[in-house]
Amino acid sequence: MEVGPTIDRLVKELEGKVKLVIKFFPYRYRDYSRIAAEAAVEAWKQGKFTEMHDLLIKNSPKLDRESLIKYAKELNMDIEKFIKAINNQEGASIIEKDLKLAKELDLYVTPAFYINGIKVLGVRDSEYFKEIIFKELENVKKK
C-alpha cells in the first residue's frame, strides 16, 4: 500500500476541513535522497510537486541526476531552471529548515504525519487517518 494515494484521497474528501503541509526529509543513508529533495523543491517552485513526487516514488531508487532531469522533462518543466537549481542546491535553505524541524521533533523515519500534534508513523490506511482526523475535528468543534 502506498501512502500517497491514501493521503490524496483524504485531502480531497475532507477539502476545507484539513490542510496538508509537506516537509522535505531526505534520508541521509539513502543514495541520491538529497538531490531528489532538491528536484522536488524545484518541482514545487514550478508547480509540479505532486507529479514529481509521484515519479520519484514510482522510479525509486533511480534518483540520480540524469534520471531526475529525465523526470523533469517528462513533466514539461523549465529544464534550464531545473538543472541550475539542482546544480546550485537552490532548495538547500528549505531542506535544511525542514531537517532541523525533524530533528527537533525527534523524527527519524518516513512517512511521518502530524495531525494536530498527534504523531503517526509509517504507512496507514485511510480509516486509520480518518479516525484520528474526525476525533480532532470533533475536539475543535467543542472548543
N, C-alpha and C. Protein backbone atom coordinates (compact mmCIF):
# COMPACT_ATOMS: atom_id res chain seq x y z
N MET A 1 0.85 -1.17 0.00
CA MET A 1 0.00 0.00 0.00
C MET A 1 0.90 1.24 0.00
N GLU A 2 0.59 2.16 -0.88
CA GLU A 2 1.32 3.42 -0.92
C GLU A 2 0.52 4.45 -0.14
N VAL A 3 1.24 5.27 0.61
CA VAL A 3 0.56 6.26 1.44
C VAL A 3 0.12 7.48 0.63
N GLY A 4 0.82 7.80 -0.44
CA GLY A 4 0.50 8.98 -1.24
C GLY A 4 -0.93 9.02 -1.73
N PRO A 5 -1.39 7.97 -2.42
CA PRO A 5 -2.79 7.97 -2.89
C PRO A 5 -3.81 8.05 -1.75
N THR A 6 -3.50 7.42 -0.63
CA THR A 6 -4.39 7.47 0.54
C THR A 6 -4.54 8.91 1.02
N ILE A 7 -3.43 9.59 1.16
CA ILE A 7 -3.45 10.99 1.62
C ILE A 7 -4.15 11.88 0.60
N ASP A 8 -3.86 11.68 -0.69
CA ASP A 8 -4.52 12.47 -1.73
C ASP A 8 -6.04 12.34 -1.65
N ARG A 9 -6.52 11.10 -1.49
CA ARG A 9 -7.97 10.87 -1.39
C ARG A 9 -8.55 11.57 -0.16
N LEU A 10 -7.86 11.45 0.97
CA LEU A 10 -8.36 12.08 2.20
C LEU A 10 -8.42 13.59 2.08
N VAL A 11 -7.40 14.19 1.52
CA VAL A 11 -7.37 15.65 1.37
C VAL A 11 -8.52 16.11 0.48
N LYS A 12 -8.78 15.36 -0.59
CA LYS A 12 -9.90 15.72 -1.47
C LYS A 12 -11.24 15.51 -0.76
N GLU A 13 -11.36 14.38 -0.09
CA GLU A 13 -12.61 14.04 0.60
C GLU A 13 -12.92 15.04 1.72
N LEU A 14 -11.89 15.51 2.39
CA LEU A 14 -12.08 16.41 3.54
C LEU A 14 -11.70 17.85 3.21
N GLU A 15 -11.80 18.20 1.94
CA GLU A 15 -11.44 19.54 1.49
C GLU A 15 -12.13 20.61 2.34
N GLY A 16 -11.35 21.58 2.77
CA GLY A 16 -11.87 22.65 3.60
C GLY A 16 -11.86 22.34 5.09
N LYS A 17 -11.59 21.08 5.43
CA LYS A 17 -11.55 20.67 6.83
C LYS A 17 -10.14 20.33 7.29
N VAL A 18 -9.28 19.98 6.34
CA VAL A 18 -7.90 19.62 6.68
C VAL A 18 -6.94 20.37 5.76
N LYS A 19 -5.73 20.49 6.23
CA LYS A 19 -4.68 21.14 5.45
C LYS A 19 -3.47 20.22 5.45
N LEU A 20 -2.95 19.93 4.27
CA LEU A 20 -1.77 19.09 4.14
C LEU A 20 -0.55 19.99 3.97
N VAL A 21 0.42 19.81 4.84
CA VAL A 21 1.68 20.54 4.75
C VAL A 21 2.78 19.50 4.57
N ILE A 22 3.56 19.66 3.52
CA ILE A 22 4.62 18.69 3.22
C ILE A 22 5.97 19.29 3.58
N LYS A 23 6.79 18.49 4.22
CA LYS A 23 8.14 18.89 4.58
C LYS A 23 9.13 17.95 3.90
N PHE A 24 10.31 18.46 3.62
CA PHE A 24 11.35 17.68 2.96
C PHE A 24 12.23 17.02 4.01
N PHE A 25 12.42 15.72 3.87
CA PHE A 25 13.22 14.96 4.83
C PHE A 25 14.04 13.90 4.10
N PRO A 26 15.10 14.36 3.38
CA PRO A 26 15.92 13.38 2.67
C PRO A 26 16.66 12.49 3.66
N TYR A 27 16.53 11.22 3.48
CA TYR A 27 17.14 10.23 4.38
C TYR A 27 18.64 10.20 4.13
N ARG A 28 19.42 10.47 5.14
CA ARG A 28 20.86 10.65 4.95
C ARG A 28 21.60 9.38 4.55
N TYR A 29 21.02 8.23 4.75
CA TYR A 29 21.69 6.99 4.37
C TYR A 29 21.19 6.43 3.04
N ARG A 30 20.42 7.20 2.33
CA ARG A 30 19.86 6.75 1.06
C ARG A 30 20.55 7.49 -0.08
N ASP A 31 21.09 6.72 -1.03
CA ASP A 31 21.73 7.34 -2.19
C ASP A 31 20.76 8.28 -2.89
N TYR A 32 21.26 9.42 -3.27
CA TYR A 32 20.53 10.41 -4.07
C TYR A 32 19.34 11.07 -3.36
N SER A 33 19.15 10.83 -2.09
CA SER A 33 17.98 11.43 -1.44
C SER A 33 18.06 12.95 -1.41
N ARG A 34 19.27 13.48 -1.25
CA ARG A 34 19.40 14.94 -1.17
C ARG A 34 19.12 15.60 -2.52
N ILE A 35 19.68 15.05 -3.58
CA ILE A 35 19.43 15.65 -4.90
C ILE A 35 17.97 15.44 -5.31
N ALA A 36 17.36 14.34 -4.88
CA ALA A 36 15.94 14.12 -5.15
C ALA A 36 15.10 15.16 -4.41
N ALA A 37 15.50 15.51 -3.20
CA ALA A 37 14.80 16.57 -2.46
C ALA A 37 14.96 17.90 -3.18
N GLU A 38 16.16 18.16 -3.69
CA GLU A 38 16.39 19.40 -4.47
C GLU A 38 15.47 19.42 -5.69
N ALA A 39 15.34 18.27 -6.36
CA ALA A 39 14.46 18.18 -7.52
C ALA A 39 13.01 18.45 -7.12
N ALA A 40 12.61 17.91 -5.99
CA ALA A 40 11.24 18.10 -5.51
C ALA A 40 10.97 19.56 -5.16
N VAL A 41 11.96 20.23 -4.57
CA VAL A 41 11.79 21.65 -4.24
C VAL A 41 11.61 22.46 -5.52
N GLU A 42 12.44 22.19 -6.51
CA GLU A 42 12.32 22.93 -7.77
C GLU A 42 11.00 22.60 -8.47
N ALA A 43 10.58 21.36 -8.40
CA ALA A 43 9.28 20.99 -8.98
C ALA A 43 8.16 21.75 -8.29
N TRP A 44 8.27 21.88 -6.97
CA TRP A 44 7.28 22.66 -6.21
C TRP A 44 7.27 24.11 -6.70
N LYS A 45 8.45 24.68 -6.89
CA LYS A 45 8.55 26.07 -7.36
C LYS A 45 7.93 26.24 -8.74
N GLN A 46 7.99 25.16 -9.55
CA GLN A 46 7.43 25.23 -10.90
C GLN A 46 6.01 24.67 -10.98
N GLY A 47 5.40 24.41 -9.82
CA GLY A 47 4.02 23.96 -9.79
C GLY A 47 3.82 22.50 -10.18
N LYS A 48 4.85 21.69 -10.01
CA LYS A 48 4.78 20.28 -10.41
C LYS A 48 5.18 19.34 -9.28
N PHE A 49 5.00 19.75 -8.03
CA PHE A 49 5.46 18.94 -6.91
C PHE A 49 4.81 17.57 -6.87
N THR A 50 3.49 17.53 -6.92
CA THR A 50 2.78 16.25 -6.80
C THR A 50 3.21 15.29 -7.89
N GLU A 51 3.30 15.80 -9.10
CA GLU A 51 3.70 14.95 -10.23
C GLU A 51 5.13 14.44 -10.05
N MET A 52 6.04 15.32 -9.62
CA MET A 52 7.43 14.91 -9.40
C MET A 52 7.50 13.91 -8.25
N HIS A 53 6.81 14.19 -7.18
CA HIS A 53 6.81 13.28 -6.03
C HIS A 53 6.37 11.88 -6.46
N ASP A 54 5.30 11.82 -7.25
CA ASP A 54 4.81 10.53 -7.73
C ASP A 54 5.86 9.81 -8.57
N LEU A 55 6.56 10.55 -9.43
CA LEU A 55 7.62 9.95 -10.25
C LEU A 55 8.79 9.47 -9.40
N LEU A 56 9.15 10.24 -8.39
CA LEU A 56 10.26 9.85 -7.52
C LEU A 56 9.94 8.56 -6.77
N ILE A 57 8.73 8.46 -6.27
CA ILE A 57 8.32 7.24 -5.56
C ILE A 57 8.26 6.06 -6.53
N LYS A 58 7.64 6.27 -7.67
CA LYS A 58 7.46 5.21 -8.66
C LYS A 58 8.81 4.69 -9.17
N ASN A 59 9.76 5.59 -9.40
CA ASN A 59 11.03 5.22 -10.03
C ASN A 59 12.18 4.98 -9.05
N SER A 60 11.93 5.12 -7.77
CA SER A 60 12.98 4.87 -6.79
C SER A 60 13.46 3.43 -6.92
N PRO A 61 14.75 3.19 -6.89
CA PRO A 61 15.85 4.05 -6.46
C PRO A 61 16.55 4.80 -7.60
N LYS A 62 15.97 4.88 -8.80
CA LYS A 62 16.61 5.61 -9.90
C LYS A 62 16.41 7.10 -9.69
N LEU A 63 17.25 7.68 -8.82
CA LEU A 63 17.13 9.09 -8.46
C LEU A 63 18.42 9.85 -8.72
N ASP A 64 19.25 9.33 -9.60
CA ASP A 64 20.49 10.03 -9.96
C ASP A 64 20.16 11.28 -10.77
N ARG A 65 21.14 12.13 -10.94
CA ARG A 65 20.95 13.42 -11.61
C ARG A 65 20.31 13.25 -12.99
N GLU A 66 20.82 12.35 -13.81
CA GLU A 66 20.30 12.16 -15.17
C GLU A 66 18.83 11.70 -15.14
N SER A 67 18.50 10.82 -14.22
CA SER A 67 17.11 10.37 -14.11
C SER A 67 16.20 11.51 -13.69
N LEU A 68 16.66 12.34 -12.75
CA LEU A 68 15.85 13.47 -12.29
C LEU A 68 15.58 14.45 -13.43
N ILE A 69 16.59 14.68 -14.25
CA ILE A 69 16.42 15.57 -15.40
C ILE A 69 15.40 14.96 -16.38
N LYS A 70 15.48 13.65 -16.57
CA LYS A 70 14.52 12.95 -17.43
C LYS A 70 13.10 13.14 -16.89
N TYR A 71 12.91 13.01 -15.58
CA TYR A 71 11.59 13.18 -14.99
C TYR A 71 11.09 14.61 -15.18
N ALA A 72 11.99 15.56 -15.00
CA ALA A 72 11.60 16.97 -15.19
C ALA A 72 11.15 17.22 -16.64
N LYS A 73 11.83 16.59 -17.58
CA LYS A 73 11.44 16.72 -18.99
C LYS A 73 10.06 16.10 -19.21
N GLU A 74 9.81 14.94 -18.60
CA GLU A 74 8.51 14.28 -18.72
C GLU A 74 7.39 15.19 -18.22
N LEU A 75 7.71 16.02 -17.24
CA LEU A 75 6.71 16.91 -16.64
C LEU A 75 6.66 18.28 -17.31
N ASN A 76 7.42 18.42 -18.40
CA ASN A 76 7.46 19.69 -19.15
C ASN A 76 7.87 20.86 -18.28
N MET A 77 8.82 20.60 -17.38
CA MET A 77 9.33 21.68 -16.55
C MET A 77 10.33 22.51 -17.35
N ASP A 78 10.64 23.69 -16.85
CA ASP A 78 11.69 24.52 -17.43
C ASP A 78 13.03 23.84 -17.09
N ILE A 79 13.60 23.14 -18.05
CA ILE A 79 14.78 22.30 -17.81
C ILE A 79 16.01 23.12 -17.43
N GLU A 80 16.23 24.24 -18.10
CA GLU A 80 17.39 25.08 -17.74
C GLU A 80 17.31 25.50 -16.28
N LYS A 81 16.15 25.95 -15.87
CA LYS A 81 15.92 26.38 -14.49
C LYS A 81 16.08 25.19 -13.54
N PHE A 82 15.56 24.04 -13.92
CA PHE A 82 15.64 22.83 -13.10
C PHE A 82 17.10 22.42 -12.89
N ILE A 83 17.86 22.34 -13.96
CA ILE A 83 19.27 21.93 -13.86
C ILE A 83 20.06 22.93 -13.02
N LYS A 84 19.84 24.21 -13.25
CA LYS A 84 20.52 25.24 -12.46
C LYS A 84 20.19 25.07 -10.98
N ALA A 85 18.93 24.81 -10.68
CA ALA A 85 18.50 24.67 -9.28
C ALA A 85 19.16 23.48 -8.60
N ILE A 86 19.18 22.32 -9.28
CA ILE A 86 19.79 21.16 -8.61
C ILE A 86 21.30 21.27 -8.57
N ASN A 87 21.91 21.88 -9.59
CA ASN A 87 23.37 22.06 -9.58
C ASN A 87 23.81 22.99 -8.46
N ASN A 88 23.03 24.04 -8.23
CA ASN A 88 23.39 25.06 -7.24
C ASN A 88 22.75 24.83 -5.88
N GLN A 89 22.03 23.72 -5.75
CA GLN A 89 21.35 23.39 -4.50
C GLN A 89 20.51 24.58 -4.00
N GLU A 90 19.69 25.09 -4.90
CA GLU A 90 18.88 26.26 -4.58
C GLU A 90 17.80 25.97 -3.53
N GLY A 91 17.48 24.72 -3.33
CA GLY A 91 16.48 24.37 -2.31
C GLY A 91 17.09 24.10 -0.95
N ALA A 92 18.39 24.28 -0.81
CA ALA A 92 19.10 23.91 0.43
C ALA A 92 18.51 24.57 1.68
N SER A 93 18.16 25.84 1.61
CA SER A 93 17.67 26.51 2.82
C SER A 93 16.33 25.91 3.27
N ILE A 94 15.48 25.56 2.31
CA ILE A 94 14.19 24.95 2.64
C ILE A 94 14.43 23.56 3.24
N ILE A 95 15.27 22.79 2.60
CA ILE A 95 15.55 21.43 3.05
C ILE A 95 16.20 21.44 4.43
N GLU A 96 17.17 22.32 4.65
CA GLU A 96 17.85 22.40 5.95
C GLU A 96 16.88 22.81 7.06
N LYS A 97 15.99 23.73 6.75
CA LYS A 97 14.98 24.15 7.74
C LYS A 97 14.09 22.97 8.12
N ASP A 98 13.68 22.19 7.12
CA ASP A 98 12.83 21.02 7.39
C ASP A 98 13.59 19.93 8.14
N LEU A 99 14.86 19.74 7.82
CA LEU A 99 15.68 18.76 8.55
C LEU A 99 15.85 19.17 10.01
N LYS A 100 16.01 20.47 10.24
CA LYS A 100 16.13 20.97 11.61
C LYS A 100 14.83 20.70 12.38
N LEU A 101 13.71 20.93 11.74
CA LEU A 101 12.42 20.66 12.38
C LEU A 101 12.28 19.17 12.70
N ALA A 102 12.67 18.31 11.77
CA ALA A 102 12.59 16.87 12.01
C ALA A 102 13.42 16.47 13.22
N LYS A 103 14.60 17.07 13.34
CA LYS A 103 15.47 16.77 14.48
C LYS A 103 14.81 17.24 15.78
N GLU A 104 14.21 18.42 15.76
CA GLU A 104 13.53 18.95 16.95
C GLU A 104 12.35 18.06 17.36
N LEU A 105 11.72 17.45 16.36
CA LEU A 105 10.57 16.57 16.63
C LEU A 105 11.00 15.13 16.91
N ASP A 106 12.32 14.91 16.92
CA ASP A 106 12.87 13.57 17.14
C ASP A 106 12.32 12.58 16.10
N LEU A 107 12.31 13.03 14.87
CA LEU A 107 11.76 12.26 13.77
C LEU A 107 12.89 11.66 12.96
N TYR A 108 12.85 10.34 12.77
CA TYR A 108 13.92 9.67 12.04
C TYR A 108 13.41 8.72 10.97
N VAL A 109 12.11 8.65 10.76
CA VAL A 109 11.55 7.74 9.77
C VAL A 109 10.52 8.46 8.90
N THR A 110 10.31 7.90 7.74
CA THR A 110 9.25 8.37 6.85
C THR A 110 8.48 7.16 6.37
N PRO A 111 7.24 7.32 6.02
CA PRO A 111 6.47 8.55 6.14
C PRO A 111 6.09 8.82 7.60
N ALA A 112 5.95 10.08 7.89
CA ALA A 112 5.53 10.53 9.22
C ALA A 112 4.51 11.64 9.03
N PHE A 113 3.52 11.63 9.88
CA PHE A 113 2.44 12.62 9.80
C PHE A 113 2.18 13.16 11.20
N TYR A 114 1.75 14.40 11.24
CA TYR A 114 1.29 15.01 12.48
C TYR A 114 -0.10 15.54 12.24
N ILE A 115 -1.04 15.06 13.04
CA ILE A 115 -2.42 15.50 12.94
C ILE A 115 -2.74 16.21 14.25
N ASN A 116 -2.72 17.54 14.21
CA ASN A 116 -2.89 18.34 15.44
C ASN A 116 -1.94 17.89 16.54
N GLY A 117 -0.72 17.61 16.17
CA GLY A 117 0.30 17.23 17.14
C GLY A 117 0.38 15.74 17.44
N ILE A 118 -0.53 14.96 16.88
CA ILE A 118 -0.51 13.51 17.08
C ILE A 118 0.39 12.90 16.01
N LYS A 119 1.46 12.24 16.46
CA LYS A 119 2.42 11.65 15.53
C LYS A 119 1.91 10.32 15.01
N VAL A 120 1.93 10.17 13.68
CA VAL A 120 1.54 8.93 13.02
C VAL A 120 2.72 8.51 12.15
N LEU A 121 3.30 7.37 12.45
CA LEU A 121 4.47 6.89 11.71
C LEU A 121 4.10 5.71 10.83
N GLY A 122 4.69 5.68 9.65
CA GLY A 122 4.51 4.54 8.76
C GLY A 122 3.30 4.64 7.87
N VAL A 123 3.19 3.65 7.01
CA VAL A 123 2.09 3.58 6.07
C VAL A 123 0.84 3.10 6.81
N ARG A 124 -0.24 3.84 6.66
CA ARG A 124 -1.52 3.52 7.31
C ARG A 124 -2.62 3.61 6.28
N ASP A 125 -3.72 2.91 6.53
CA ASP A 125 -4.85 3.00 5.61
C ASP A 125 -5.68 4.24 5.94
N SER A 126 -6.59 4.56 5.04
CA SER A 126 -7.38 5.79 5.20
C SER A 126 -8.25 5.76 6.45
N GLU A 127 -8.74 4.60 6.83
CA GLU A 127 -9.60 4.52 8.03
C GLU A 127 -8.82 4.91 9.28
N TYR A 128 -7.56 4.54 9.35
CA TYR A 128 -6.72 4.90 10.50
C TYR A 128 -6.60 6.42 10.60
N PHE A 129 -6.30 7.06 9.46
CA PHE A 129 -6.19 8.52 9.45
C PHE A 129 -7.53 9.17 9.75
N LYS A 130 -8.60 8.66 9.15
CA LYS A 130 -9.93 9.25 9.36
C LYS A 130 -10.33 9.23 10.84
N GLU A 131 -10.03 8.14 11.50
CA GLU A 131 -10.39 8.04 12.92
C GLU A 131 -9.75 9.18 13.71
N ILE A 132 -8.49 9.42 13.48
CA ILE A 132 -7.78 10.50 14.19
C ILE A 132 -8.32 11.86 13.75
N ILE A 133 -8.47 12.05 12.44
CA ILE A 133 -8.92 13.34 11.92
C ILE A 133 -10.31 13.69 12.44
N PHE A 134 -11.25 12.76 12.37
CA PHE A 134 -12.61 13.05 12.83
C PHE A 134 -12.65 13.33 14.33
N LYS A 135 -11.84 12.62 15.08
CA LYS A 135 -11.77 12.88 16.53
C LYS A 135 -11.24 14.30 16.77
N GLU A 136 -10.22 14.68 16.04
CA GLU A 136 -9.66 16.03 16.19
C GLU A 136 -10.64 17.10 15.72
N LEU A 137 -11.38 16.83 14.65
CA LEU A 137 -12.39 17.79 14.19
C LEU A 137 -13.48 17.98 15.24
N GLU A 138 -13.86 16.89 15.90
CA GLU A 138 -14.85 16.98 16.99
C GLU A 138 -14.30 17.82 18.14
N ASN A 139 -13.02 17.61 18.48
CA ASN A 139 -12.38 18.38 19.55
C ASN A 139 -12.37 19.87 19.23
N VAL A 140 -12.16 20.20 17.97
CA VAL A 140 -12.16 21.61 17.54
C VAL A 140 -13.56 22.21 17.70
N LYS A 141 -14.58 21.44 17.33
CA LYS A 141 -15.98 21.93 17.45
C LYS A 141 -16.34 22.21 18.89
N LYS A 142 -15.82 21.40 19.81
CA LYS A 142 -16.14 21.55 21.24
C LYS A 142 -15.50 22.78 21.86
N LYS A 143 -14.46 23.29 21.24
CA LYS A 143 -13.75 24.44 21.83
C LYS A 143 -14.46 25.74 21.58
